[in-house]
Amino acid sequence: HANIAIVGESASADYFQKLVTMMGGRNIPDVFQLEPNTL
């Protein structure tokens, strides 16, 4: 897919804190990882 650029970020201990901050700023990545307890 030559017209698609995937820009990624991997986090560790602060993953969900950052996700909540992104959510507050309406800036959540297009595709993000969850697990059953957080879905």
PDB file of all heavy atoms in Angstrom:
ATOM      1  N   HIS A   1       0.857  -1.191   0.000  1.00  0.00           N
ATOM      2  CA  HIS A   1       0.000   0.000   0.000  1.00  0.00           C
ATOM      3  C   HIS A   1       0.892   1.241   0.000  1.00  0.00           C
ATOM      4  O   HIS A   1       1.196   1.809   1.052  1.00  0.00           O
ATOM      5  CB  HIS A   1      -0.928   0.004   1.206  1.00  0.00           C
ATOM      6  CG  HIS A   1      -1.843  -1.182   1.256  1.00  0.00           C
ATOM      7  ND1 HIS A   1      -1.432  -2.409   1.743  1.00  0.00           N
ATOM      8  CD2 HIS A   1      -3.134  -1.326   0.875  1.00  0.00           C
ATOM      9  CE1 HIS A   1      -2.452  -3.256   1.651  1.00  0.00           C
ATOM     10  NE2 HIS A   1      -3.486  -2.626   1.126  1.00  0.00           N
ATOM     11  N   ALA A   2       1.301   1.646  -1.188  1.00  0.00           N
ATOM     12  CA  ALA A   2       2.272   2.728  -1.319  1.00  0.00           C
ATOM     13  C   ALA A   2       1.755   4.068  -0.808  1.00  0.00           C
ATOM     14  O   ALA A   2       2.536   4.963  -0.480  1.00  0.00           O
ATOM     15  CB  ALA A   2       2.686   2.863  -2.778  1.00  0.00           C
ATOM     16  N   ASN A   3       0.429   4.228  -0.730  1.00  0.00           N
ATOM     17  CA  ASN A   3      -0.122   5.515  -0.305  1.00  0.00           C
ATOM     18  C   ASN A   3      -0.419   5.564   1.187  1.00  0.00           C
ATOM     19  O   ASN A   3      -0.998   6.539   1.674  1.00  0.00           O
ATOM     20  CB  ASN A   3      -1.408   5.819  -1.078  1.00  0.00           C
ATOM     21  CG  ASN A   3      -2.535   4.870  -0.701  1.00  0.00           C
ATOM     22  OD1 ASN A   3      -2.298   3.671  -0.534  1.00  0.00           O
ATOM     23  ND2 ASN A   3      -3.733   5.394  -0.571  1.00  0.00           N
ATOM     24  N   ILE A   4      -0.034   4.514   1.925  1.00  0.00           N
ATOM     25  CA  ILE A   4      -0.298   4.480   3.368  1.00  0.00           C
ATOM     26  C   ILE A   4       1.022   4.441   4.129  1.00  0.00           C
ATOM     27  O   ILE A   4       1.869   3.575   3.888  1.00  0.00           O
ATOM     28  CB  ILE A   4      -1.164   3.269   3.759  1.00  0.00           C
ATOM     29  CG1 ILE A   4      -2.564   3.413   3.143  1.00  0.00           C
ATOM     30  CG2 ILE A   4      -1.272   3.151   5.280  1.00  0.00           C
ATOM     31  CD1 ILE A   4      -3.504   2.260   3.466  1.00  0.00           C
ATOM     32  N   ALA A   5       1.183   5.390   5.022  1.00  0.00           N
ATOM     33  CA  ALA A   5       2.335   5.418   5.917  1.00  0.00           C
ATOM     34  C   ALA A   5       1.852   5.078   7.319  1.00  0.00           C
ATOM     35  O   ALA A   5       0.891   5.683   7.808  1.00  0.00           O
ATOM     36  CB  ALA A   5       2.987   6.793   5.911  1.00  0.00           C
ATOM     37  N   ILE A   6       2.492   4.106   7.950  1.00  0.00           N
ATOM     38  CA  ILE A   6       2.116   3.721   9.309  1.00  0.00           C
ATOM     39  C   ILE A   6       3.140   4.310  10.274  1.00  0.00           C
ATOM     40  O   ILE A   6       4.330   4.009  10.205  1.00  0.00           O
ATOM     41  CB  ILE A   6       2.054   2.191   9.456  1.00  0.00           C
ATOM     42  CG1 ILE A   6       0.992   1.625   8.506  1.00  0.00           C
ATOM     43  CG2 ILE A   6       1.739   1.813  10.899  1.00  0.00           C
ATOM     44  CD1 ILE A   6       0.893   0.126   8.521  1.00  0.00           C
ATOM     45  N   VAL A   7       2.662   5.159  11.146  1.00  0.00           N
ATOM     46  CA  VAL A   7       3.513   5.796  12.145  1.00  0.00           C
ATOM     47  C   VAL A   7       3.127   5.217  13.492  1.00  0.00           C
ATOM     48  O   VAL A   7       1.986   5.343  13.933  1.00  0.00           O
ATOM     49  CB  VAL A   7       3.333   7.330  12.143  1.00  0.00           C
ATOM     50  CG1 VAL A   7       4.254   7.968  13.175  1.00  0.00           C
ATOM     51  CG2 VAL A   7       3.617   7.883  10.747  1.00  0.00           C
ATOM     52  N   GLY A   8       4.052   4.545  14.136  1.00  0.00           N
ATOM     53  CA  GLY A   8       3.716   3.812  15.346  1.00  0.00           C
ATOM     54  C   GLY A   8       4.465   4.262  16.573  1.00  0.00           C
ATOM     55  O   GLY A   8       5.500   4.924  16.488  1.00  0.00           O
ATOM     56  N   GLU A   9       3.938   3.889  17.715  1.00  0.00           N
ATOM     57  CA  GLU A   9       4.600   4.166  18.987  1.00  0.00           C
ATOM     58  C   GLU A   9       4.331   3.014  19.936  1.00  0.00           C
ATOM     59  O   GLU A   9       3.205   2.548  20.071  1.00  0.00           O
ATOM     60  CB  GLU A   9       4.087   5.460  19.600  1.00  0.00           C
ATOM     61  CG  GLU A   9       4.761   5.795  20.937  1.00  0.00           C
ATOM     62  CD  GLU A   9       4.252   7.084  21.553  1.00  0.00           C
ATOM     63  OE1 GLU A   9       3.435   7.763  20.903  1.00  0.00           O
ATOM     64  OE2 GLU A   9       4.673   7.400  22.672  1.00  0.00           O
ATOM     65  N   SER A  10       5.379   2.558  20.597  1.00  0.00           N
ATOM     66  CA  SER A  10       5.255   1.521  21.617  1.00  0.00           C
ATOM     67  C   SER A  10       5.543   2.137  22.970  1.00  0.00           C
ATOM     68  O   SER A  10       6.508   2.886  23.128  1.00  0.00           O
ATOM     69  CB  SER A  10       6.259   0.392  21.336  1.00  0.00           C
ATOM     70  OG  SER A  10       6.255  -0.538  22.396  1.00  0.00           O
ATOM     71  N   ALA A  11       4.699   1.858  23.934  1.00  0.00           N
ATOM     72  CA  ALA A  11       4.888   2.373  25.291  1.00  0.00           C
ATOM     73  C   ALA A  11       4.954   1.201  26.252  1.00  0.00           C
ATOM     74  O   ALA A  11       4.740   0.054  25.881  1.00  0.00           O
ATOM     75  CB  ALA A  11       3.763   3.328  25.671  1.00  0.00           C
ATOM     76  N   SER A  12       5.220   1.513  27.499  1.00  0.00           N
ATOM     77  CA  SER A  12       5.355   0.450  28.493  1.00  0.00           C
ATOM     78  C   SER A  12       4.473   0.754  29.694  1.00  0.00           C
ATOM     79  O   SER A  12       3.261   0.720  29.605  1.00  0.00           O
ATOM     80  CB  SER A  12       6.823   0.302  28.896  1.00  0.00           C
ATOM     81  OG  SER A  12       7.009  -0.776  29.775  1.00  0.00           O
ATOM     82  N   ALA A  13       5.083   1.120  30.817  1.00  0.00           N
ATOM     83  CA  ALA A  13       4.329   1.283  32.057  1.00  0.00           C
ATOM     84  C   ALA A  13       3.300   2.397  31.976  1.00  0.00           C
ATOM     85  O   ALA A  13       2.274   2.352  32.650  1.00  0.00           O
ATOM     86  CB  ALA A  13       5.290   1.548  33.214  1.00  0.00           C
ATOM     87  N   ASP A  14       3.547   3.408  31.147  1.00  0.00           N
ATOM     88  CA  ASP A  14       2.647   4.557  31.091  1.00  0.00           C
ATOM     89  C   ASP A  14       1.659   4.474  29.932  1.00  0.00           C
ATOM     90  O   ASP A  14       1.040   5.469  29.567  1.00  0.00           O
ATOM     91  CB  ASP A  14       3.458   5.851  30.976  1.00  0.00           C
ATOM     92  CG  ASP A  14       4.347   5.872  29.722  1.00  0.00           C
ATOM     93  OD1 ASP A  14       4.474   4.817  29.062  1.00  0.00           O
ATOM     94  OD2 ASP A  14       4.897   6.933  29.423  1.00  0.00           O
ATOM     95  N   TYR A  15       1.480   3.287  29.379  1.00  0.00           N
ATOM     96  CA  TYR A  15       0.651   3.134  28.184  1.00  0.00           C
ATOM     97  C   TYR A  15      -0.754   3.699  28.374  1.00  0.00           C
ATOM     98  O   TYR A  15      -1.222   4.541  27.596  1.00  0.00           O
ATOM     99  CB  TYR A  15       0.574   1.655  27.783  1.00  0.00           C
ATOM    100  CG  TYR A  15      -0.306   1.411  26.567  1.00  0.00           C
ATOM    101  CD1 TYR A  15       0.229   1.470  25.287  1.00  0.00           C
ATOM    102  CD2 TYR A  15      -1.666   1.134  26.707  1.00  0.00           C
ATOM    103  CE1 TYR A  15      -0.557   1.259  24.169  1.00  0.00           C
ATOM    104  CE2 TYR A  15      -2.469   0.931  25.585  1.00  0.00           C
ATOM    105  CZ  TYR A  15      -1.913   0.993  24.323  1.00  0.00           C
ATOM    106  OH  TYR A  15      -2.712   0.797  23.218  1.00  0.00           O
ATOM    107  N   PHE A  16      -1.448   3.235  29.408  1.00  0.00           N
ATOM    108  CA  PHE A  16      -2.846   3.626  29.565  1.00  0.00           C
ATOM    109  C   PHE A  16      -2.999   5.067  30.041  1.00  0.00           C
ATOM    110  O   PHE A  16      -3.970   5.739  29.694  1.00  0.00           O
ATOM    111  CB  PHE A  16      -3.573   2.657  30.493  1.00  0.00           C
ATOM    112  CG  PHE A  16      -3.869   1.339  29.836  1.00  0.00           C
ATOM    113  CD1 PHE A  16      -3.095   0.226  30.103  1.00  0.00           C
ATOM    114  CD2 PHE A  16      -4.897   1.219  28.921  1.00  0.00           C
ATOM    115  CE1 PHE A  16      -3.350  -0.983  29.476  1.00  0.00           C
ATOM    116  CE2 PHE A  16      -5.168   0.022  28.285  1.00  0.00           C
ATOM    117  CZ  PHE A  16      -4.385  -1.090  28.566  1.00  0.00           C
ATOM    118  N   GLN A  17      -2.042   5.559  30.822  1.00  0.00           N
ATOM    119  CA  GLN A  17      -2.095   6.970  31.196  1.00  0.00           C
ATOM    120  C   GLN A  17      -2.004   7.845  29.949  1.00  0.00           C
ATOM    121  O   GLN A  17      -2.731   8.832  29.815  1.00  0.00           O
ATOM    122  CB  GLN A  17      -0.955   7.321  32.163  1.00  0.00           C
ATOM    123  CG  GLN A  17      -1.067   6.667  33.531  1.00  0.00           C
ATOM    124  CD  GLN A  17      -0.292   5.372  33.625  1.00  0.00           C
ATOM    125  OE1 GLN A  17      -0.321   4.558  32.708  1.00  0.00           O
ATOM    126  NE2 GLN A  17       0.398   5.183  34.737  1.00  0.00           N
ATOM    127  N   LYS A  18      -1.109   7.472  29.034  1.00  0.00           N
ATOM    128  CA  LYS A  18      -0.968   8.234  27.800  1.00  0.00           C
ATOM    129  C   LYS A  18      -2.220   8.113  26.938  1.00  0.00           C
ATOM    130  O   LYS A  18      -2.641   9.085  26.307  1.00  0.00           O
ATOM    131  CB  LYS A  18       0.259   7.752  27.027  1.00  0.00           C
ATOM    132  CG  LYS A  18       1.582   8.086  27.699  1.00  0.00           C
ATOM    133  CD  LYS A  18       2.766   7.548  26.920  1.00  0.00           C
ATOM    134  CE  LYS A  18       2.928   8.236  25.584  1.00  0.00           C
ATOM    135  NZ  LYS A  18       4.158   7.776  24.878  1.00  0.00           N
ATOM    136  N   LEU A  19      -2.822   6.915  26.938  1.00  0.00           N
ATOM    137  CA  LEU A  19      -4.026   6.714  26.138  1.00  0.00           C
ATOM    138  C   LEU A  19      -5.171   7.591  26.656  1.00  0.00           C
ATOM    139  O   LEU A  19      -5.915   8.185  25.869  1.00  0.00           O
ATOM    140  CB  LEU A  19      -4.432   5.240  26.157  1.00  0.00           C
ATOM    141  CG  LEU A  19      -5.608   4.845  25.255  1.00  0.00           C
ATOM    142  CD1 LEU A  19      -5.312   5.185  23.799  1.00  0.00           C
ATOM    143  CD2 LEU A  19      -5.907   3.348  25.400  1.00  0.00           C
ATOM    144  N   VAL A  20      -5.313   7.675  27.968  1.00  0.00           N
ATOM    145  CA  VAL A  20      -6.344   8.531  28.547  1.00  0.00           C
ATOM    146  C   VAL A  20      -6.094   9.993  28.197  1.00  0.00           C
ATOM    147  O   VAL A  20      -7.028  10.742  27.872  1.00  0.00           O
ATOM    148  CB  VAL A  20      -6.403   8.339  30.081  1.00  0.00           C
ATOM    149  CG1 VAL A  20      -7.289   9.402  30.728  1.00  0.00           C
ATOM    150  CG2 VAL A  20      -6.925   6.945  30.424  1.00  0.00           C
ATOM    151  N   THR A  21      -4.832  10.405  28.251  1.00  0.00           N
ATOM    152  CA  THR A  21      -4.489  11.779  27.886  1.00  0.00           C
ATOM    153  C   THR A  21      -4.827  12.044  26.417  1.00  0.00           C
ATOM    154  O   THR A  21      -5.386  13.092  26.064  1.00  0.00           O
ATOM    155  CB  THR A  21      -2.994  12.039  28.125  1.00  0.00           C
ATOM    156  OG1 THR A  21      -2.700  11.838  29.508  1.00  0.00           O
ATOM    157  CG2 THR A  21      -2.619  13.459  27.732  1.00  0.00           C
ATOM    158  N   MET A  22      -4.492  11.084  25.542  1.00  0.00           N
ATOM    159  CA  MET A  22      -4.824  11.216  24.129  1.00  0.00           C
ATOM    160  C   MET A  22      -6.335  11.306  23.924  1.00  0.00           C
ATOM    161  O   MET A  22      -6.819  12.082  23.098  1.00  0.00           O
ATOM    162  CB  MET A  22      -4.272  10.021  23.343  1.00  0.00           C
ATOM    163  CG  MET A  22      -2.759   9.949  23.253  1.00  0.00           C
ATOM    164  SD  MET A  22      -2.281   8.361  22.489  1.00  0.00           S
ATOM    165  CE  MET A  22      -0.501   8.485  22.500  1.00  0.00           C
ATOM    166  N   MET A  23      -7.066  10.509  24.693  1.00  0.00           N
ATOM    167  CA  MET A  23      -8.516  10.514  24.573  1.00  0.00           C
ATOM    168  C   MET A  23      -9.074  11.882  24.961  1.00  0.00           C
ATOM    169  O   MET A  23      -9.975  12.414  24.297  1.00  0.00           O
ATOM    170  CB  MET A  23      -9.115   9.423  25.464  1.00  0.00           C
ATOM    171  CG  MET A  23     -10.621   9.265  25.340  1.00  0.00           C
ATOM    172  SD  MET A  23     -11.230   7.810  26.220  1.00  0.00           S
ATOM    173  CE  MET A  23     -10.807   8.253  27.898  1.00  0.00           C
ATOM    174  N   GLY A  24      -8.540  12.467  26.032  1.00  0.00           N
ATOM    175  CA  GLY A  24      -8.985  13.785  26.463  1.00  0.00           C
ATOM    176  C   GLY A  24      -8.723  14.849  25.413  1.00  0.00           C
ATOM    177  O   GLY A  24      -9.488  15.812  25.274  1.00  0.00           O
ATOM    178  N   GLY A  25      -7.628  14.682  24.660  1.00  0.00           N
ATOM    179  CA  GLY A  25      -7.295  15.630  23.608  1.00  0.00           C
ATOM    180  C   GLY A  25      -7.843  15.244  22.252  1.00  0.00           C
ATOM    181  O   GLY A  25      -7.490  15.864  21.244  1.00  0.00           O
ATOM    182  N   ARG A  26      -8.691  14.203  22.216  1.00  0.00           N
ATOM    183  CA  ARG A  26      -9.262  13.682  20.956  1.00  0.00           C
ATOM    184  C   ARG A  26      -8.154  13.415  19.946  1.00  0.00           C
ATOM    185  O   ARG A  26      -8.238  13.755  18.766  1.00  0.00           O
ATOM    186  CB  ARG A  26     -10.304  14.649  20.384  1.00  0.00           C
ATOM    187  CG  ARG A  26     -11.505  14.838  21.290  1.00  0.00           C
ATOM    188  CD  ARG A  26     -12.546  15.755  20.670  1.00  0.00           C
ATOM    189  NE  ARG A  26     -13.098  15.192  19.441  1.00  0.00           N
ATOM    190  CZ  ARG A  26     -14.022  14.232  19.363  1.00  0.00           C
ATOM    191  NH1 ARG A  26     -14.517  13.710  20.496  1.00  0.00           N
ATOM    192  NH2 ARG A  26     -14.468  13.810  18.209  1.00  0.00           N
ATOM    193  N   ASN A  27      -7.105  12.761  20.441  1.00  0.00           N
ATOM    194  CA  ASN A  27      -5.919  12.514  19.622  1.00  0.00           C
ATOM    195  C   ASN A  27      -5.488  11.055  19.730  1.00  0.00           C
ATOM    196  O   ASN A  27      -4.302  10.745  19.677  1.00  0.00           O
ATOM    197  CB  ASN A  27      -4.783  13.445  20.074  1.00  0.00           C
ATOM    198  CG  ASN A  27      -3.590  13.396  19.143  1.00  0.00           C
ATOM    199  OD1 ASN A  27      -3.746  13.286  17.922  1.00  0.00           O
ATOM    200  ND2 ASN A  27      -2.399  13.455  19.707  1.00  0.00           N
ATOM    201  N   ILE A  28      -6.442  10.157  19.877  1.00  0.00           N
ATOM    202  CA  ILE A  28      -6.113   8.734  19.990  1.00  0.00           C
ATOM    203  C   ILE A  28      -5.614   8.221  18.641  1.00  0.00           C
ATOM    204  O   ILE A  28      -6.191   8.556  17.597  1.00  0.00           O
ATOM    205  CB  ILE A  28      -7.349   7.917  20.431  1.00  0.00           C
ATOM    206  CG1 ILE A  28      -7.818   8.366  21.809  1.00  0.00           C
ATOM    207  CG2 ILE A  28      -7.039   6.433  20.453  1.00  0.00           C
ATOM    208  CD1 ILE A  28      -9.036   7.617  22.294  1.00  0.00           C
ATOM    209  N   PRO A  29      -4.555   7.409  18.619  1.00  0.00           N
ATOM    210  CA  PRO A  29      -4.091   6.817  17.355  1.00  0.00           C
ATOM    211  C   PRO A  29      -5.203   6.042  16.662  1.00  0.00           C
ATOM    212  O   PRO A  29      -6.124   5.530  17.305  1.00  0.00           O
ATOM    213  CB  PRO A  29      -2.951   5.901  17.814  1.00  0.00           C
ATOM    214  CG  PRO A  29      -2.444   6.544  19.064  1.00  0.00           C
ATOM    215  CD  PRO A  29      -3.656   7.092  19.743  1.00  0.00           C
ATOM    216  N   ASP A  30      -5.103   5.943  15.349  1.00  0.00           N
ATOM    217  CA  ASP A  30      -6.152   5.279  14.568  1.00  0.00           C
ATOM    218  C   ASP A  30      -6.378   3.848  15.026  1.00  0.00           C
ATOM    219  O   ASP A  30      -7.523   3.386  15.135  1.00  0.00           O
ATOM    220  CB  ASP A  30      -5.767   5.287  13.087  1.00  0.00           C
ATOM    221  CG  ASP A  30      -5.566   6.677  12.551  1.00  0.00           C
ATOM    222  OD1 ASP A  30      -6.566   7.360  12.256  1.00  0.00           O
ATOM    223  OD2 ASP A  30      -4.399   7.101  12.439  1.00  0.00           O
ATOM    224  N   VAL A  31      -5.291   3.122  15.266  1.00  0.00           N
ATOM    225  CA  VAL A  31      -5.358   1.729  15.721  1.00  0.00           C
ATOM    226  C   VAL A  31      -4.583   1.632  17.019  1.00  0.00           C
ATOM    227  O   VAL A  31      -3.412   2.014  17.087  1.00  0.00           O
ATOM    228  CB  VAL A  31      -4.751   0.766  14.672  1.00  0.00           C
ATOM    229  CG1 VAL A  31      -4.798  -0.668  15.176  1.00  0.00           C
ATOM    230  CG2 VAL A  31      -5.484   0.896  13.339  1.00  0.00           C
ATOM    231  N   PHE A  32      -5.231   1.138  18.069  1.00  0.00           N
ATOM    232  CA  PHE A  32      -4.561   1.051  19.359  1.00  0.00           C
ATOM    233  C   PHE A  32      -4.887  -0.268  20.039  1.00  0.00           C
ATOM    234  O   PHE A  32      -5.923  -0.879  19.789  1.00  0.00           O
ATOM    235  CB  PHE A  32      -4.905   2.245  20.264  1.00  0.00           C
ATOM    236  CG  PHE A  32      -6.370   2.406  20.574  1.00  0.00           C
ATOM    237  CD1 PHE A  32      -6.899   1.959  21.782  1.00  0.00           C
ATOM    238  CD2 PHE A  32      -7.225   3.021  19.667  1.00  0.00           C
ATOM    239  CE1 PHE A  32      -8.235   2.122  22.078  1.00  0.00           C
ATOM    240  CE2 PHE A  32      -8.575   3.187  19.955  1.00  0.00           C
ATOM    241  CZ  PHE A  32      -9.078   2.737  21.167  1.00  0.00           C
ATOM    242  N   GLN A  33      -3.974  -0.694  20.881  1.00  0.00           N
ATOM    243  CA  GLN A  33      -4.055  -2.014  21.508  1.00  0.00           C
ATOM    244  C   GLN A  33      -4.762  -1.942  22.858  1.00  0.00           C
ATOM    245  O   GLN A  33      -4.488  -1.069  23.674  1.00  0.00           O
ATOM    246  CB  GLN A  33      -2.634  -2.554  21.694  1.00  0.00           C
ATOM    247  CG  GLN A  33      -2.550  -3.981  22.214  1.00  0.00           C
ATOM    248  CD  GLN A  33      -1.117  -4.485  22.196  1.00  0.00           C
ATOM    249  OE1 GLN A  33      -0.623  -4.934  21.171  1.00  0.00           O
ATOM    250  NE2 GLN A  33      -0.446  -4.399  23.329  1.00  0.00           N
ATOM    251  N   LEU A  34      -5.674  -2.886  23.060  1.00  0.00           N
ATOM    252  CA  LEU A  34      -6.343  -3.061  24.346  1.00  0.00           C
ATOM    253  C   LEU A  34      -6.277  -4.535  24.713  1.00  0.00           C
ATOM    254  O   LEU A  34      -5.698  -5.345  23.997  1.00  0.00           O
ATOM    255  CB  LEU A  34      -7.808  -2.600  24.271  1.00  0.00           C
ATOM    256  CG  LEU A  34      -8.044  -1.102  24.034  1.00  0.00           C
ATOM    257  CD1 LEU A  34      -9.523  -0.829  23.821  1.00  0.00           C
ATOM    258  CD2 LEU A  34      -7.514  -0.274  25.202  1.00  0.00           C
ATOM    259  N   GLU A  35      -6.837  -4.886  25.855  1.00  0.00           N
ATOM    260  CA  GLU A  35      -7.003  -6.281  26.259  1.00  0.00           C
ATOM    261  C   GLU A  35      -8.370  -6.391  26.938  1.00  0.00           C
ATOM    262  O   GLU A  35      -9.046  -5.369  27.127  1.00  0.00           O
ATOM    263  CB  GLU A  35      -5.833  -6.743  27.134  1.00  0.00           C
ATOM    264  CG  GLU A  35      -5.431  -5.801  28.245  1.00  0.00           C
ATOM    265  CD  GLU A  35      -6.300  -5.951  29.457  1.00  0.00           C
ATOM    266  OE1 GLU A  35      -6.590  -7.082  29.849  1.00  0.00           O
ATOM    267  OE2 GLU A  35      -6.709  -4.917  30.015  1.00  0.00           O
ATOM    268  N   PRO A  36      -8.834  -7.599  27.268  1.00  0.00           N
ATOM    269  CA  PRO A  36     -10.218  -7.746  27.721  1.00  0.00           C
ATOM    270  C   PRO A  36     -10.615  -6.860  28.884  1.00  0.00           C
ATOM    271  O   PRO A  36     -11.753  -6.374  28.932  1.00  0.00           O
ATOM    272  CB  PRO A  36     -10.294  -9.234  28.098  1.00  0.00           C
ATOM    273  CG  PRO A  36      -9.292  -9.886  27.231  1.00  0.00           C
ATOM    274  CD  PRO A  36      -8.160  -8.910  27.123  1.00  0.00           C
ATOM    275  N   ASN A  37      -9.728  -6.646  29.839  1.00  0.00           N
ATOM    276  CA  ASN A  37     -10.103  -5.848  31.007  1.00  0.00           C
ATOM    277  C   ASN A  37     -10.217  -4.363  30.707  1.00  0.00           C
ATOM    278  O   ASN A  37     -10.749  -3.608  31.510  1.00  0.00           O
ATOM    279  CB  ASN A  37      -9.078  -6.061  32.132  1.00  0.00           C
ATOM    280  CG  ASN A  37      -9.176  -7.438  32.737  1.00  0.00           C
ATOM    281  OD1 ASN A  37     -10.265  -7.953  32.963  1.00  0.00           O
ATOM    282  ND2 ASN A  37      -8.045  -8.061  32.993  1.00  0.00           N
ATOM    283  N   THR A  38      -9.684  -3.936  29.554  1.00  0.00           N
ATOM    284  CA  THR A  38      -9.769  -2.519  29.204  1.00  0.00           C
ATOM    285  C   THR A  38     -10.671  -2.256  28.005  1.00  0.00           C
ATOM    286  O   THR A  38     -11.080  -1.113  27.790  1.00  0.00           O
ATOM    287  CB  THR A  38      -8.366  -1.953  28.910  1.00  0.00           C
ATOM    288  OG1 THR A  38      -7.708  -2.787  27.935  1.00  0.00           O
ATOM    289  CG2 THR A  38      -7.528  -1.901  30.177  1.00  0.00           C
ATOM    290  N   LEU A  39     -11.024  -3.282  27.231  1.00  0.00           N
ATOM    291  CA  LEU A  39     -11.888  -3.083  26.065  1.00  0.00           C
ATOM    292  C   LEU A  39     -13.235  -2.508  26.476  1.00  0.00           C
ATOM    293  O   LEU A  39     -13.704  -1.512  25.911  1.00  0.00           O
ATOM    294  CB  LEU A  39     -12.084  -4.403  25.321  1.00  0.00           C
ATOM    295  CG  LEU A  39     -13.059  -4.324  24.138  1.00  0.00           C
ATOM    296  CD1 LEU A  39     -12.474  -3.472  23.023  1.00  0.00           C
ATOM    297  CD2 LEU A  39     -13.400  -5.718  23.626  1.00  0.00           C
TER     298      LEU A  39
END
